[in-house]
Amino acid sequence: MTPRAGNVDEDLIPASAQHRYEVRKADLPLSCPMPGMYLWNSHPKVFLPIEETGEAMCPYCGAQYFMGKDG
């Protein structure tokens, strides 16, 4: 059986568990929820424009994202 995204066997991050997330260039294009988060209790995916200012906030859950030092 092939593993599926969101299985309880996976080490995923709960969606909206934090309010501030550090991201890197490898995470672009940035979306909330991010890949690697559980989706069952999350809001619809929204892409966030972080490239210009280095910061973005999700209009659904209020999570704040910022580019890390390597980003």
C-alpha atoms as a PDB file:
ATOM      1  CA  MET A   1       0.000   0.000   0.000  1.00  0.00           C
ATOM      2  CA  THR A   2       1.345   3.427  -0.961  1.00  0.00           C
ATOM      3  CA  PRO A   3       1.475   6.041   1.826  1.00  0.00           C
ATOM      4  CA  ARG A   4      -0.907   8.965   1.341  1.00  0.00           C
ATOM      5  CA  ALA A   5      -0.457  12.532   2.487  1.00  0.00           C
ATOM      6  CA  GLY A   6      -2.122  13.070   5.828  1.00  0.00           C
ATOM      7  CA  ASN A   7      -1.882   9.534   7.152  1.00  0.00           C
ATOM      8  CA  VAL A   8      -1.569   9.297  10.910  1.00  0.00           C
ATOM      9  CA  ASP A   9       1.682   7.399  10.310  1.00  0.00           C
ATOM     10  CA  GLU A  10       3.322  10.538   8.921  1.00  0.00           C
ATOM     11  CA  ASP A  11       5.089  13.176  10.964  1.00  0.00           C
ATOM     12  CA  LEU A  12       2.973  16.161   9.873  1.00  0.00           C
ATOM     13  CA  ILE A  13       2.577  19.585  11.453  1.00  0.00           C
ATOM     14  CA  PRO A  14      -0.903  20.454  12.749  1.00  0.00           C
ATOM     15  CA  ALA A  15      -2.377  23.244  10.607  1.00  0.00           C
ATOM     16  CA  SER A  16      -2.545  26.620  12.343  1.00  0.00           C
ATOM     17  CA  ALA A  17      -0.686  25.222  15.358  1.00  0.00           C
ATOM     18  CA  GLN A  18       1.684  28.157  15.447  1.00  0.00           C
ATOM     19  CA  HIS A  19       1.109  31.766  14.640  1.00  0.00           C
ATOM     20  CA  ARG A  20       4.548  32.521  13.167  1.00  0.00           C
ATOM     21  CA  TYR A  21       6.423  30.383  10.648  1.00  0.00           C
ATOM     22  CA  GLU A  22       9.885  30.828   9.182  1.00  0.00           C
ATOM     23  CA  VAL A  23      10.070  29.918   5.490  1.00  0.00           C
ATOM     24  CA  ARG A  24      12.848  29.629   2.915  1.00  0.00           C
ATOM     25  CA  LYS A  25      13.124  30.101  -0.840  1.00  0.00           C
ATOM     26  CA  ALA A  26      12.593  26.351  -1.213  1.00  0.00           C
ATOM     27  CA  ASP A  27       9.090  26.838   0.280  1.00  0.00           C
ATOM     28  CA  LEU A  28       8.033  29.215  -2.527  1.00  0.00           C
ATOM     29  CA  PRO A  29       5.437  29.660  -3.825  1.00  0.00           C
ATOM     30  CA  LEU A  30       4.146  30.032  -0.279  1.00  0.00           C
ATOM     31  CA  SER A  31       0.727  28.703   0.607  1.00  0.00           C
ATOM     32  CA  CYS A  32      -1.223  28.331   3.814  1.00  0.00           C
ATOM     33  CA  PRO A  33      -1.638  25.625   4.889  1.00  0.00           C
ATOM     34  CA  MET A  34       1.865  24.585   3.838  1.00  0.00           C
ATOM     35  CA  PRO A  35       2.732  21.143   2.472  1.00  0.00           C
ATOM     36  CA  GLY A  36       3.462  18.877   5.387  1.00  0.00           C
ATOM     37  CA  MET A  37       0.534  20.120   7.488  1.00  0.00           C
ATOM     38  CA  TYR A  38      -2.536  18.106   8.292  1.00  0.00           C
ATOM     39  CA  LEU A  39      -5.405  19.283   6.119  1.00  0.00           C
ATOM     40  CA  TRP A  40      -8.444  17.726   7.774  1.00  0.00           C
ATOM     41  CA  ASN A  41      -8.967  20.656  10.149  1.00  0.00           C
ATOM     42  CA  SER A  42      -7.628  23.432   7.976  1.00  0.00           C
ATOM     43  CA  HIS A  43      -8.994  26.206   5.783  1.00  0.00           C
ATOM     44  CA  PRO A  44      -8.863  26.299   1.952  1.00  0.00           C
ATOM     45  CA  LYS A  45      -5.377  26.684   0.479  1.00  0.00           C
ATOM     46  CA  VAL A  46      -4.392  30.272  -0.212  1.00  0.00           C
ATOM     47  CA  PHE A  47      -1.163  31.481  -1.836  1.00  0.00           C
ATOM     48  CA  LEU A  48       0.624  34.280   0.004  1.00  0.00           C
ATOM     49  CA  PRO A  49       2.808  36.964  -1.641  1.00  0.00           C
ATOM     50  CA  ILE A  50       5.932  37.021   0.517  1.00  0.00           C
ATOM     51  CA  GLU A  51       8.612  37.761  -2.082  1.00  0.00           C
ATOM     52  CA  GLU A  52       8.457  41.578  -2.000  1.00  0.00           C
ATOM     53  CA  THR A  53       8.426  42.325   1.725  1.00  0.00           C
ATOM     54  CA  GLY A  54       9.691  39.070   3.258  1.00  0.00           C
ATOM     55  CA  GLU A  55       6.521  38.781   5.360  1.00  0.00           C
ATOM     56  CA  ALA A  56       2.949  37.657   4.763  1.00  0.00           C
ATOM     57  CA  MET A  57      -0.148  36.924   6.837  1.00  0.00           C
ATOM     58  CA  CYS A  58      -2.829  34.353   6.058  1.00  0.00           C
ATOM     59  CA  PRO A  59      -6.247  36.006   5.681  1.00  0.00           C
ATOM     60  CA  TYR A  60      -7.992  32.843   6.963  1.00  0.00           C
ATOM     61  CA  CYS A  61      -6.127  31.876  10.130  1.00  0.00           C
ATOM     62  CA  GLY A  62      -3.887  34.874  10.786  1.00  0.00           C
ATOM     63  CA  ALA A  63      -0.661  32.835  10.666  1.00  0.00           C
ATOM     64  CA  GLN A  64       2.348  35.029   9.996  1.00  0.00           C
ATOM     65  CA  TYR A  65       5.134  33.913   7.694  1.00  0.00           C
ATOM     66  CA  PHE A  66       8.581  35.446   7.360  1.00  0.00           C
ATOM     67  CA  MET A  67      11.603  34.703   5.209  1.00  0.00           C
ATOM     68  CA  GLY A  68      14.482  33.185   7.142  1.00  0.00           C
ATOM     69  CA  LYS A  69      18.031  34.448   6.951  1.00  0.00           C
ATOM     70  CA  ASP A  70      18.849  32.045   4.106  1.00  0.00           C
ATOM     71  CA  GLY A  71      15.710  33.082   2.242  1.00  0.00           C
END
